[in-house]
Protein backbone atom coordinates (compact mmCIF):
# COMPACT_ATOMS: atom_id res chain seq x y z
CA MET A 1 82.91 128.10 126.58
CA LYS A 2 85.44 125.82 127.13
CA ARG A 3 85.32 124.92 123.20
CA ARG A 4 85.18 128.66 121.94
CA GLU A 5 87.81 129.49 124.33
CA GLN A 6 90.28 126.65 123.15
CA SER A 7 89.19 127.72 119.10
CA GLN A 8 89.71 131.13 119.86
CA THR A 9 93.75 130.05 120.88
CA GLU A 10 94.16 128.20 118.05
CA GLN A 11 93.01 130.83 115.84
CA LEU A 12 95.80 133.06 118.05
CA ARG A 13 98.72 130.40 117.65
CA GLN A 14 98.34 130.22 113.76
CA ALA A 15 98.25 133.77 113.77
CA LEU A 16 101.16 133.70 115.93
CA SER A 17 103.10 130.78 114.26
CA GLU A 18 102.21 132.69 110.55
CA ARG A 19 103.68 135.84 112.06
CA GLU A 20 106.61 134.80 113.38
CA ALA A 21 107.45 131.99 110.12
CA GLN A 22 106.69 135.69 107.86
CA LEU A 23 109.35 137.54 110.14
CA ARG A 24 111.62 134.84 109.66
CA GLU A 25 111.81 134.67 105.75
CA ALA A 26 111.87 138.24 105.52
CA GLN A 27 115.07 138.40 107.63
CA ALA A 28 116.59 135.96 105.28
CA ARG A 29 115.67 137.49 102.26
CA LEU A 30 117.34 140.81 103.94
CA ALA A 31 120.11 139.16 104.79
CA ALA A 32 120.55 137.61 101.25
CA LEU A 33 119.88 140.86 100.00
CA GLU A 34 122.55 142.50 101.56
CA GLY A 35 124.94 140.02 100.50
CA SER A 36 123.76 139.92 96.81
CA THR A 37 126.25 141.24 94.37
CA SER A 38 123.98 143.52 92.91
CA LEU A 39 123.28 145.87 96.11
CA GLN A 40 127.54 145.81 96.71
CA VAL A 41 127.68 147.26 92.74
CA GLY A 42 125.07 149.59 93.83
CA ARG A 43 127.03 151.15 96.65
CA ALA A 44 130.06 150.85 94.80
CA LEU A 45 128.56 153.24 92.26
CA THR A 46 126.90 155.72 94.92
CA ALA A 47 130.16 156.24 96.36
CA ALA A 48 131.53 156.86 93.43
CA ALA A 49 129.28 159.34 92.41
CA LYS A 50 129.37 161.18 95.61
CA ARG A 51 133.26 161.99 95.65
CA PRO A 52 134.13 161.62 92.12
CA GLY A 53 137.80 162.61 92.94
CA ARG A 54 138.87 159.35 94.63
CA GLY A 55 135.60 157.25 93.94
CA LEU A 56 135.89 157.22 90.24
CA VAL A 57 139.73 156.22 90.88
CA ARG A 58 138.77 153.51 93.14
CA LEU A 59 135.61 152.20 91.35
CA PRO A 60 137.25 149.76 89.11
CA ARG A 61 139.16 147.71 91.61
CA ASP A 62 135.99 147.89 94.07
CA LEU A 63 134.58 145.75 91.11
CA PHE A 64 137.29 143.90 90.19
CA ARG A 65 137.31 142.58 93.95
CA LEU A 66 133.14 142.00 93.93
CA TRP A 67 133.14 139.88 90.53
CA ARG A 68 136.71 138.10 91.98
CA LYS A 69 134.67 137.86 95.54
CA SER A 70 131.31 136.00 93.68
CA GLY A 71 133.29 134.12 91.80
CA THR A 72 135.20 132.45 94.29
CA THR A 73 132.18 131.89 96.55
CA ARG A 74 130.60 130.16 93.57
CA GLN A 75 133.26 127.57 93.31
CA SER A 76 133.87 127.25 97.21
CA ALA A 77 130.60 126.36 97.53
CA GLY A 78 129.84 124.21 94.59
CA GLY A 79 127.28 126.37 92.79
CA ARG A 80 123.94 128.24 94.50
CA ARG A 81 123.75 128.74 98.18
CA ARG A 82 120.64 126.39 99.40
CA PRO A 83 118.66 128.61 101.61
CA GLN A 84 117.58 127.35 104.86
CA PRO A 85 114.15 125.92 105.27
CA VAL A 86 111.65 128.27 106.89
CA ARG A 87 108.92 126.26 108.49
CA SER A 88 105.54 127.97 107.84
CA TYR A 89 104.29 126.45 111.50
CA ASP A 90 105.79 124.83 114.57
CA ALA A 91 103.99 121.97 115.59
CA GLU A 92 103.52 119.18 113.27
CA ARG A 93 102.17 119.26 109.65
CA GLN A 94 99.35 117.27 110.41
CA GLU A 95 98.30 119.57 112.84
CA ALA A 96 99.30 122.62 111.02
CA ARG A 97 97.03 121.51 107.86
CA LEU A 98 93.95 120.78 110.43
CA LEU A 99 94.28 124.41 111.92
CA ALA A 100 94.41 126.07 108.27
CA GLY A 101 91.66 123.95 107.36
CA ASN A 102 93.66 123.01 104.01
CA ILE A 103 91.77 119.31 104.34
CA GLY A 104 88.32 118.08 105.20
CA ASN A 105 88.04 114.12 105.24
CA ARG A 106 91.45 112.77 106.32
CA ASP A 107 93.87 112.15 103.66
CA ASP A 108 97.03 109.90 104.14
CA ARG A 109 98.12 111.01 100.97
CA LEU A 110 101.61 113.56 100.54
CA VAL A 111 100.51 116.59 99.26
CA VAL A 112 102.37 117.82 95.89
CA ALA A 113 102.31 121.42 94.42
CA GLY A 114 102.20 119.91 90.53
CA VAL A 115 103.34 121.33 87.40
CA LEU A 116 102.45 118.80 85.16
CA SER A 117 100.36 117.30 81.94
CA PRO A 118 97.14 116.60 82.17
CA GLU A 119 98.58 112.57 81.56
CA VAL A 120 101.00 113.14 84.42
CA HIS A 121 98.51 114.26 86.74
CA ALA A 122 96.38 111.64 85.83
CA ALA A 123 98.52 109.04 85.83
CA VAL A 124 99.67 110.40 89.87
CA GLU A 125 96.51 111.23 91.09
CA PRO A 126 95.08 108.07 93.04
CA TYR A 127 98.50 107.98 95.03
CA VAL A 128 99.29 111.90 96.38
CA ARG A 129 97.03 114.69 96.39
CA VAL A 130 97.66 117.30 93.87
CA ILE A 131 97.69 120.58 93.89
CA ALA A 132 98.18 121.98 90.45
CA LEU A 133 99.31 125.43 89.63
CA ARG A 134 99.21 127.99 87.05
CA PRO A 135 101.22 130.47 85.21
CA GLN A 136 98.72 133.23 86.68
CA ASP A 137 97.79 132.23 90.59
CA ALA A 138 101.03 129.48 91.13
CA GLN A 139 102.48 132.22 93.76
CA VAL A 140 99.45 132.52 95.68
CA VAL A 141 98.57 129.19 95.71
CA PHE A 142 101.85 128.13 96.57
CA GLU A 143 101.60 130.71 99.86
CA SER A 144 98.42 129.33 101.01
CA VAL A 145 99.04 125.51 101.07
CA ASP A 146 101.26 123.31 102.85
CA VAL A 147 102.93 120.74 100.75
CA ASP A 148 105.08 118.08 101.04
CA ALA A 149 106.95 118.04 97.35
CA VAL A 150 107.07 120.39 94.36
CA LEU A 151 106.32 117.98 91.45
CA VAL A 152 107.65 119.31 87.51
CA SER A 153 107.48 117.20 84.78
CA ALA A 154 109.00 118.40 81.35
CA SER A 155 105.75 117.67 79.71
CA ALA A 156 103.75 120.90 80.76
CA ALA A 157 106.25 122.86 78.65
CA ALA A 158 104.18 121.18 75.67
CA THR A 159 102.41 123.56 73.10
CA GLY A 160 98.53 124.09 74.39
CA SER A 161 99.36 123.18 77.83
CA LEU A 162 99.04 126.21 80.77
CA TRP A 163 102.74 126.24 81.00
CA ALA A 164 103.55 125.86 77.18
CA HIS A 165 107.28 126.34 76.41
CA VAL A 166 108.28 127.04 80.07
CA GLY A 167 112.10 127.66 80.54
CA ASP A 168 112.30 128.86 76.83
CA PRO A 169 113.59 132.59 75.94
CA SER A 170 110.15 132.96 74.48
CA SER A 171 108.24 132.37 77.99
CA GLY A 172 109.92 134.57 80.36
CA ASP A 173 107.19 135.23 82.56
CA ARG A 174 106.41 131.56 83.08
CA THR A 175 110.00 130.82 83.52
CA ARG A 176 110.63 133.37 85.81
CA ALA A 177 107.22 132.16 87.75
CA LEU A 178 108.36 128.54 88.06
CA ASN A 179 111.74 129.76 89.29
CA TRP A 180 110.17 131.40 91.92
CA LEU A 181 108.10 128.30 92.71
CA VAL A 182 111.51 126.23 92.88
CA GLU A 183 112.88 129.28 95.16
CA ALA A 184 109.98 129.59 97.58
CA ALA A 185 109.93 125.56 97.86
CA ALA A 186 113.51 125.31 98.95
CA SER A 187 113.15 128.57 101.64
CA ARG A 188 110.51 126.26 103.39
CA GLY A 189 112.85 122.85 103.13
CA VAL A 190 110.17 121.71 100.15
CA PRO A 191 111.95 119.51 98.04
CA SER A 192 111.40 120.12 94.13
CA ILE A 193 111.94 117.26 91.48
CA LEU A 194 111.75 117.58 87.72
CA LEU A 195 110.58 114.53 85.90
CA ASN A 196 112.39 114.86 82.52
CA ASP A 197 109.32 112.81 80.73
CA ALA A 198 109.34 114.31 77.26
CA PRO A 199 111.63 116.62 75.11
CA ALA A 200 111.43 120.38 76.51
CA PRO A 201 113.33 123.49 76.42
CA PRO A 202 116.97 123.15 78.07
CA ALA A 203 116.58 126.02 80.41
CA LEU A 204 114.30 124.12 82.25
CA ALA A 205 116.71 121.78 83.79
CA THR A 206 119.00 124.64 84.68
CA LEU A 207 116.25 125.68 87.44
CA PRO A 208 117.94 124.91 90.89
CA PHE A 209 115.62 121.78 91.24
CA ASP A 210 116.81 119.25 93.80
CA LEU A 211 116.50 116.05 91.73
CA VAL A 212 116.13 115.76 88.29
CA HIS A 213 114.57 112.29 87.19
CA ASP A 214 115.29 110.84 83.80
CA GLY A 215 111.84 109.38 82.90
CA GLY A 216 108.52 109.47 83.49
CA VAL A 217 106.05 107.95 86.38
CA GLY A 218 106.26 104.72 85.20
CA VAL A 219 102.81 102.92 84.07
CA PRO A 220 99.26 103.73 85.70
CA LEU A 221 97.65 100.72 86.17
CA HIS A 222 94.51 102.21 86.82
CA ARG A 223 94.14 103.50 83.01
CA PHE A 224 96.55 100.89 81.36
CA ASN A 225 95.21 97.73 81.88
CA PRO A 226 92.92 94.96 80.31
CA ILE A 227 89.87 95.74 82.49
CA ALA A 228 86.47 94.71 80.18
CA ALA A 229 88.86 93.79 76.77
CA GLU A 230 86.94 92.57 74.36
CA PRO A 231 87.70 89.15 73.45
CA GLU A 232 87.78 89.72 69.89
CA ARG A 233 90.92 92.32 69.23
CA GLN A 234 91.58 94.34 65.58
CA ALA A 235 93.93 91.58 63.59
CA ASP A 236 95.20 94.62 61.87
CA PRO A 237 99.21 96.10 63.74
CA VAL A 238 98.68 99.62 65.33
CA HIS A 239 101.44 102.32 65.21
CA GLN A 240 101.66 103.91 68.75
CA PRO A 241 104.10 106.87 68.33
CA SER A 242 105.95 108.10 71.46
CA VAL A 243 106.28 111.47 72.74
CA GLY A 244 110.09 112.84 71.40
CA ASN A 245 111.57 112.40 68.02
CA SER A 246 111.94 108.86 66.88
CA GLY A 247 114.58 109.29 64.63
CA VAL A 248 115.12 108.96 61.13
CA VAL A 249 115.62 105.24 60.53
CA ALA A 250 112.74 104.29 62.83
CA ASN A 251 110.34 106.87 61.19
CA ARG A 252 111.85 105.11 57.81
CA LEU A 253 111.24 101.64 59.55
CA VAL A 254 107.52 103.17 60.17
CA ASP A 255 106.65 104.00 56.81
CA MET A 256 108.00 100.49 55.33
CA LEU A 257 105.93 98.82 57.70
CA VAL A 258 102.90 101.06 56.58
CA ARG A 259 103.42 100.50 52.67
CA ASP A 260 104.59 96.68 53.00
CA SER A 261 103.09 94.69 55.80
CA GLY A 262 99.83 96.54 56.80
CA LEU A 263 100.63 98.42 59.73
CA ARG A 264 98.05 101.17 60.52
CA ARG A 265 99.47 104.51 62.04
CA ALA A 266 97.34 105.86 64.93
CA ASP A 267 97.35 108.90 67.21
CA PRO A 268 95.21 109.42 69.86
CA GLY A 269 95.27 111.66 72.37
CA TRP A 270 96.77 110.61 75.63
CA ALA A 271 92.75 110.32 77.17
CA GLU A 272 91.89 107.73 74.34
CA GLU A 273 95.51 105.80 74.26
CA PRO A 274 94.38 103.66 77.09
CA ALA A 275 91.06 102.24 75.03
CA THR A 276 93.03 102.35 71.58
CA LEU A 277 95.97 99.96 72.95
CA ARG A 278 92.77 97.21 74.53
CA ALA A 279 91.60 97.33 71.03
CA ALA A 280 94.92 96.12 69.34
CA SER A 281 96.22 92.77 69.16
CA THR A 282 99.76 93.81 67.98
CA VAL A 283 101.58 97.53 68.25
CA VAL A 284 104.53 98.97 66.99
CA VAL A 285 106.08 101.42 69.55
CA ASP A 286 109.46 102.95 69.91
CA ASP A 287 109.38 103.16 73.42
CA PRO A 288 110.31 100.94 76.10
CA ALA A 289 107.35 102.48 78.65
CA LEU A 290 105.10 102.55 75.68
CA ALA A 291 105.90 98.37 75.10
CA ASP A 292 104.98 98.08 78.66
CA ARG A 293 101.96 100.15 78.40
CA ALA A 294 100.78 98.06 75.52
CA MET A 295 101.45 94.84 77.08
CA ALA A 296 99.49 95.18 80.85
CA CYS A 297 96.12 96.18 78.07
CA GLY A 298 97.05 92.69 76.57
CA ALA A 299 98.45 93.61 73.11
CA ARG A 300 101.65 92.30 72.03
CA ALA A 301 104.42 94.62 71.01
CA LEU A 302 107.24 95.00 68.41
CA LEU A 303 109.90 97.44 69.66
CA LEU A 304 111.95 99.46 67.56
CA GLY A 305 115.19 99.70 69.68
CA GLY A 306 116.97 97.19 71.44
CA SER A 307 118.65 94.20 70.38
CA PRO A 308 117.23 91.06 69.47
CA GLU A 309 119.16 88.69 71.91
CA GLU A 310 117.42 90.69 74.82
CA ASP A 311 114.17 88.68 73.73
CA ALA A 312 115.79 85.23 74.40
CA GLU A 313 114.61 83.80 77.50
CA PRO A 314 117.38 82.67 80.23
CA PRO A 315 117.80 78.63 81.26
CA ASN A 316 116.31 79.03 84.35
CA GLY A 317 113.33 80.67 82.82
CA ALA A 318 113.54 83.81 84.79
CA GLY A 319 113.69 87.38 83.23
CA ARG A 320 111.91 89.87 80.89
CA ALA A 321 108.31 89.72 81.26
CA PRO A 322 107.21 88.15 77.73
CA GLY A 323 105.02 89.48 75.01
CA SER A 324 107.40 91.93 73.15
CA VAL A 325 109.67 91.49 70.24
CA ARG A 326 112.80 93.80 69.37
CA VAL A 327 114.06 94.88 66.35
CA PRO A 328 117.68 97.30 66.23
CA VAL A 329 116.74 100.44 64.70
CA ASP A 330 120.55 100.98 62.47
CA ALA A 331 121.67 100.73 58.93
CA SER A 332 121.07 97.46 58.40
CA ALA A 333 117.56 97.33 59.68
CA LEU A 334 116.80 99.07 56.21
CA SER A 335 117.90 96.55 54.07
CA SER A 336 117.55 92.80 56.24
CA GLY A 337 114.15 93.60 56.51
CA ALA A 338 114.17 92.75 60.47
CA ALA A 339 111.54 94.82 61.22
CA ALA A 340 108.55 93.31 58.39
CA GLU A 341 110.14 89.88 59.97
CA GLY A 342 109.66 90.69 63.75
CA LEU A 343 106.10 92.08 62.92
CA ALA A 344 105.03 88.89 60.99
CA ARG A 345 106.04 87.11 64.06
CA VAL A 346 104.50 89.58 67.09
CA ARG A 347 101.23 89.43 64.48
CA ALA A 348 101.32 85.20 63.82
CA ALA A 349 101.22 84.73 68.44
CA GLY A 350 98.65 87.71 68.36
CA PRO A 351 97.40 89.24 71.59
CA LEU A 352 99.05 87.68 74.87
CA SER A 353 97.45 84.91 76.71
CA PRO A 354 95.73 84.76 79.78
CA GLU A 355 99.23 83.23 81.93
CA GLU A 356 101.26 85.90 79.54
CA LEU A 357 99.27 88.29 80.75
CA ARG A 358 99.23 87.78 83.78
CA LEU A 359 103.20 87.45 84.16
CA VAL A 360 103.33 90.84 82.60
CA LEU A 361 101.12 91.98 84.92
CA ARG A 362 102.43 91.33 88.08
CA SER A 363 105.84 92.16 86.73
CA VAL A 364 104.55 95.86 85.81
CA PHE A 365 102.58 95.88 89.10
CA LEU A 366 105.68 95.07 91.42
CA THR A 367 108.67 96.97 89.53
CA ASP A 368 107.42 99.59 87.47
CA ALA A 369 103.77 101.13 88.10
CA THR A 370 103.04 104.65 88.96
CA PRO A 371 103.50 103.89 92.91
CA VAL A 372 106.54 101.75 93.07
CA ARG A 373 108.03 104.78 91.11
CA LEU A 374 106.46 107.42 92.90
CA ALA A 375 108.16 105.42 96.17
CA ASP A 376 111.40 105.77 94.49
CA ILE A 377 112.14 109.22 93.43
CA LEU A 378 110.28 110.99 96.73
CA GLY A 379 112.71 108.56 98.51
CA ARG A 380 115.78 110.19 97.01
CA VAL A 381 115.25 113.64 98.00
CA ASP A 382 115.25 114.99 102.02
CA PHE A 383 111.90 115.80 103.15
CA ALA A 384 111.22 118.34 106.05
CA PRO A 385 110.41 117.32 109.34
CA GLY A 386 106.83 116.34 109.96
CA SER A 387 106.35 115.50 106.07
CA GLY A 388 104.41 112.48 105.31
CA SER A 389 106.74 109.20 104.10
CA PRO A 390 108.48 108.93 100.73
CA SER A 391 106.50 105.59 100.77
CA ALA A 392 103.29 106.87 101.20
CA SER A 393 102.32 105.97 97.70
CA LEU A 394 102.44 102.27 98.69
CA ARG A 395 100.20 102.49 101.40
CA ILE A 396 96.72 101.48 99.46
CA ARG A 397 98.24 98.12 98.86
CA GLN A 398 98.83 97.45 101.93
CA VAL A 399 96.80 93.95 102.65
CA SER A 400 95.84 91.39 106.37
CA VAL A 401 95.50 88.28 105.36
CA LEU A 402 92.96 86.36 107.57
CA ALA A 403 92.86 83.04 108.11
CA ALA A 404 91.62 80.34 110.83
CA PRO A 405 94.17 77.29 110.25
CA ALA A 406 92.35 74.58 112.27
CA ASP A 407 95.15 72.04 112.64
CA ASP A 408 98.96 72.03 112.22
CA ILE A 409 98.86 70.40 108.79
CA THR A 410 96.40 73.62 107.65
CA ALA A 411 98.83 76.04 109.67
CA LEU A 412 102.24 74.70 107.96
CA ALA A 413 100.40 75.19 104.49
CA PHE A 414 99.17 78.68 105.61
CA ALA A 415 102.81 79.40 106.92
CA ASP A 416 104.35 77.96 103.58
CA ASP A 417 102.19 80.05 101.20
CA ILE A 418 102.79 83.35 103.27
CA LEU A 419 106.33 83.05 103.57
CA ASN A 420 106.60 81.91 99.60
CA GLN A 421 104.73 85.43 98.43
CA GLU A 422 106.09 87.88 96.26
CA TYR A 423 104.28 90.49 97.80
CA ALA A 424 104.79 90.19 101.58
CA PRO A 425 101.49 91.26 103.49
CA ALA A 426 101.34 93.73 106.14
CA GLU A 427 100.12 91.61 109.01
CA ILE A 428 98.20 88.33 109.39
CA VAL A 429 94.95 88.22 111.48
CA LEU A 430 93.99 84.86 112.99
CA PRO A 431 91.74 83.92 115.54
CA ASP A 432 93.28 83.66 119.35
CA GLY A 433 93.20 80.40 119.85
CA VAL A 434 95.09 79.28 117.27
CA ASP A 435 98.73 80.62 118.92
CA HIS A 436 99.75 77.08 119.96
CA LEU A 437 100.24 75.95 115.80
CA ALA A 438 103.43 74.96 114.58
CA GLY A 439 102.76 77.32 111.57
CA VAL A 440 101.76 80.15 113.53
CA ALA A 441 105.08 80.06 116.03
CA ARG A 442 106.80 79.89 112.00
CA LEU A 443 104.99 82.83 110.93
CA ARG A 444 105.83 84.94 114.24
CA SER A 445 109.34 84.07 114.39
CA ALA A 446 109.92 85.29 110.48
CA GLY A 447 108.90 88.46 112.16
CA ILE A 448 105.75 89.07 110.25
CA PRO A 449 103.04 91.22 112.27
CA MET A 450 100.22 89.38 113.72
CA ARG A 451 96.60 90.08 115.38
CA THR A 452 94.31 88.08 117.13
CA VAL A 453 91.06 88.33 117.31
CA ARG A 454 88.85 86.55 120.44
CA GLY A 455 85.52 84.80 120.39
CA ILE A 456 86.09 83.01 116.95
CA ASP A 457 85.88 78.69 116.99
CA THR A 458 88.14 77.08 114.74
CA ASP A 459 86.63 73.39 114.16
CA ALA A 460 89.20 70.64 112.31
CA GLU A 461 86.63 68.60 111.83
CA SER A 462 84.05 70.75 110.28
CA GLY A 463 86.52 71.32 107.09
CA SER A 464 85.46 74.57 105.78
CA ALA A 465 86.16 77.94 105.62
CA PRO A 466 84.52 80.46 107.59
CA GLY A 467 81.40 81.92 107.14
CA PRO A 468 80.75 85.95 106.65
CA ALA A 469 80.56 86.46 110.53
CA ALA A 470 83.65 85.02 111.03
CA TRP A 471 85.03 86.78 108.46
CA ALA A 472 83.72 89.98 109.48
CA ALA A 473 84.91 89.36 113.27
CA LEU A 474 88.50 88.85 111.87
CA ALA A 475 88.28 92.06 109.41
CA ARG A 476 87.25 93.94 112.05
CA GLY A 477 91.07 93.29 113.89
CA ALA A 478 92.63 94.36 110.33
CA THR A 479 94.29 98.05 109.64
CA SER A 480 95.20 97.52 106.00
CA PRO A 481 92.90 98.89 103.61
CA TRP A 482 93.09 95.32 102.16
CA VAL A 483 91.89 92.08 103.33
CA ALA A 484 92.80 88.68 101.90
CA LEU A 485 90.60 85.34 102.64
CA TRP A 486 92.65 82.40 102.96
CA ARG A 487 91.45 79.49 102.60
CA ALA A 488 93.71 76.62 100.72
CA PRO A 489 97.39 77.36 99.07
CA ARG A 490 96.82 79.52 95.95
CA GLY A 491 100.93 80.32 94.93
CA ALA A 492 103.19 82.31 95.39
CA ALA A 493 102.04 84.80 93.09
CA PHE A 494 98.18 85.29 94.93
CA LEU A 495 99.09 88.32 96.43
CA ALA A 496 100.85 90.26 94.23
CA ASP A 497 97.68 89.10 91.37
CA VAL A 498 94.32 90.03 93.02
CA LEU A 499 95.88 93.71 94.33
CA CYS A 500 97.39 93.91 90.98
CA ALA A 501 94.15 93.15 89.80
CA ALA A 502 92.04 95.72 92.58
CA GLU A 503 94.97 98.07 91.34
CA CYS A 504 93.98 98.16 87.55
CA SER A 505 90.10 97.91 88.33
CA GLY A 506 89.28 99.86 91.49
CA ALA A 507 86.84 96.89 92.58
CA ASP A 508 85.41 96.55 96.07
CA ALA A 509 86.54 92.85 95.76
CA VAL A 510 88.40 89.77 93.17
CA GLY A 511 88.28 86.57 93.37
CA PRO A 512 87.00 83.69 90.97
CA ALA A 513 83.18 84.30 89.14
CA VAL A 514 80.58 81.98 90.30
CA PRO A 515 77.62 81.02 87.74
CA TRP A 516 75.08 80.25 91.28
CA TRP A 517 75.00 80.72 94.78
CA GLY A 518 72.66 78.11 95.58
CA SER A 519 69.82 76.33 94.11
CA GLY A 520 68.01 78.90 92.59
CA ALA A 521 66.25 81.05 95.79
CA PRO A 522 66.85 85.03 95.60
CA ALA A 523 69.96 85.78 97.45
CA SER A 524 69.24 87.45 101.12
CA ALA A 525 72.01 89.65 103.10
CA ASP A 526 71.72 87.25 106.12
CA GLY A 527 73.52 84.43 104.44
CA GLY A 528 70.63 82.85 102.20
CA ASP A 529 71.09 80.86 98.65
CA GLY A 530 71.46 83.73 95.46
CA GLY A 531 70.67 82.44 91.85
CA SER A 532 72.21 82.81 88.35
CA ALA A 533 75.01 85.53 89.44
CA ILE A 534 77.20 85.82 85.74
CA ASP A 535 76.28 85.69 82.46
CA ASP A 536 77.33 82.59 80.11
CA ALA A 537 79.01 85.81 78.06
CA VAL A 538 81.77 86.37 80.87
CA ALA A 539 81.93 82.81 82.03
CA GLY A 540 85.61 81.90 82.13
CA GLN A 541 86.92 85.17 81.59
CA ASP A 542 89.47 87.20 84.00
CA TYR A 543 89.29 90.89 84.34
CA VAL A 544 85.63 91.39 83.81
CA PHE A 545 82.75 93.21 86.50
CA VAL A 546 80.55 90.09 87.40
CA SER A 547 77.67 90.16 89.84
CA ALA A 548 79.24 87.22 92.34
CA ILE A 549 82.89 85.89 93.19
CA GLU A 550 84.33 83.77 95.85
CA PRO A 551 86.32 86.50 97.29
CA ASP A 552 89.78 86.39 97.58
CA LEU A 553 90.61 90.16 97.85
CA ALA A 554 88.21 92.76 99.17
CA ARG A 555 88.47 96.25 101.05
CA THR A 556 88.63 95.89 104.47
CA GLN A 557 85.24 97.56 105.67
CA LEU A 558 83.13 95.63 103.41
CA VAL A 559 83.73 92.66 104.97
CA ARG A 560 83.30 94.09 108.30
CA ARG A 561 80.23 94.06 107.13
CA GLY A 562 79.39 90.70 106.98
CA LEU A 563 77.38 90.60 104.45
CA GLN A 564 76.90 87.04 102.33
CA PRO A 565 79.32 87.54 99.06
CA GLY A 566 76.38 86.68 96.73
CA VAL A 567 74.24 90.27 97.77
CA TRP A 568 77.87 92.13 97.95
CA ASN A 569 77.18 93.61 94.34
CA ARG A 570 73.38 95.00 95.74
CA HIS A 571 75.02 96.99 98.17
CA GLY A 572 77.17 99.00 95.33
CA ALA A 573 80.13 96.91 95.45
CA ARG A 574 82.45 96.17 92.50
CA LEU A 575 83.09 92.80 91.73
CA LEU A 576 86.29 91.76 89.77
CA ALA A 577 86.38 88.02 88.11
CA LEU A 578 89.99 86.53 88.45
CA GLY A 579 90.43 82.85 88.52
CA PRO A 580 93.12 80.80 90.21
CA GLN A 581 96.60 80.95 88.53
CA PRO A 582 97.34 78.42 85.91
CA ASP A 583 98.42 74.72 87.59
CA ALA A 584 101.91 75.02 86.31
CA ASP A 585 102.62 78.08 88.52
CA ARG A 586 100.95 76.66 91.69
CA GLU A 587 102.45 74.47 94.32
CA ALA A 588 100.21 71.11 94.80
CA GLU A 589 97.55 72.06 97.11
CA PRO A 590 96.49 69.71 100.89
CA GLY A 591 93.41 68.66 100.44
CA GLN A 592 92.16 69.10 103.91
CA VAL A 593 91.37 72.91 103.98
CA GLY A 594 88.00 73.31 101.71
CA SER A 595 85.66 75.37 100.21
CA THR A 596 82.28 76.26 98.75
CA PRO A 597 81.05 79.02 96.71
CA ASP A 598 78.81 79.80 99.70
CA ALA A 599 80.90 79.84 102.56
CA GLY A 600 81.92 83.86 102.19
């Protein structure tokens, strides 16, 4: 009975909040209407018609005053006056969504009302919850949901889409629908963002967006990646056209390369573009974003644009990731043969080497990937009180490092390895009996969040890593979606590489592939030995799915089950092979911490 009364109270509270929000919105609209120039002009005309004698004489003066007042107001206000936020509920937004029934399972992603092209929608879908809006029902859908932001891409105005030619005078109905959407979002305090990722009608940028971002959403690594790419790629170079106008000189250079250098034209749809780039060894592009996507797929790129000096490596070896050659697009390029020479260099080099590919993916993961770009874009607008965090798209990357150092030497090596990581962990989970170690004290003084778990024994004499039960106990104390199983120092790029591989593949665990898990006996869930786990066809390859790995990174829920990694695939886990870093990029590892494939 109490539960029923509570439910009725919540329903009444929701209805009251909605009525109050509608009343405030109606009052705001009424005030805006009464203060509008159109209403005042109408009143002046009505007064002149009622008293033609004096009214017709005063009408020009009144109209002139209205015109001058309107111009002065706009100049003093710096443009259109921003309406005050009108919230749908007085309670917190998460509570409001639960009362409204907009979500079932808990979803911590930001909710975005999107006017997006299919490509942009597919790029941002894993990181934000997109509510797609169509011209015919945008008003109905937007009024029935509670969103954190409105995201519009210029590529949505392309021919053939639902919002085709929005912003063009020939599509006034779609432009009015989008203008209403932006104004309604502003009245509710919801920021609106325009992504200038493709050429679009100029009137689209004149709508009152809170932010206009020149560029796209970065590189969606879950689409553009080298996962399961064939070792033998196509030898002929491929030209991948950009969305915008490449220019006369660039088009002439492409025609020359097709005629003289065997360049093959390719114009796949957005869905087939990743497969085309994964199959090619050399790609010719005229857009830096396309060059990044091609290199993320393992292909080497010839970029028509920029200057050759940008390809030179700085003396310290740091700088732009390798894999592309730039050719300037100017009149001299048509007669100098620089494009043909650049294509010959790129073609002779072949696809990216494993070391170059890992460096490219790491650079994209840290700076240009879609969740990083979304966090940067959303961080430049003001969210309404109670909304999600602009960095919510990065939560799926949070990782907890699990470790059980047995002595001071191991603990100091662990502290050095963690403090030097290019991608910092969200927290560290340790057994409660290692607080006295010097390395643990060093990590605590560095301000890294730490958690301890009771009931885990650390034996300094055993020289082996924890087993599945110990890893499971540590994972139960973690709060991140991912856990990294630390056994020995792996270099500064360890966390960045394994998290990048997981983001690219959607795998449940990442680590070096192992060819055996015992002496040939069938694997069992209680930690028994396993038979052959990978085929000779994929032995030694990275970024391929295999049957068994020595896990370096895994989903927290998977490790909490306490299963032997040799049987993870039998329980539905997707395992991705990724070997250690090349020896040149790693620091010397102390020999006091050992690990075996069947240690978990």
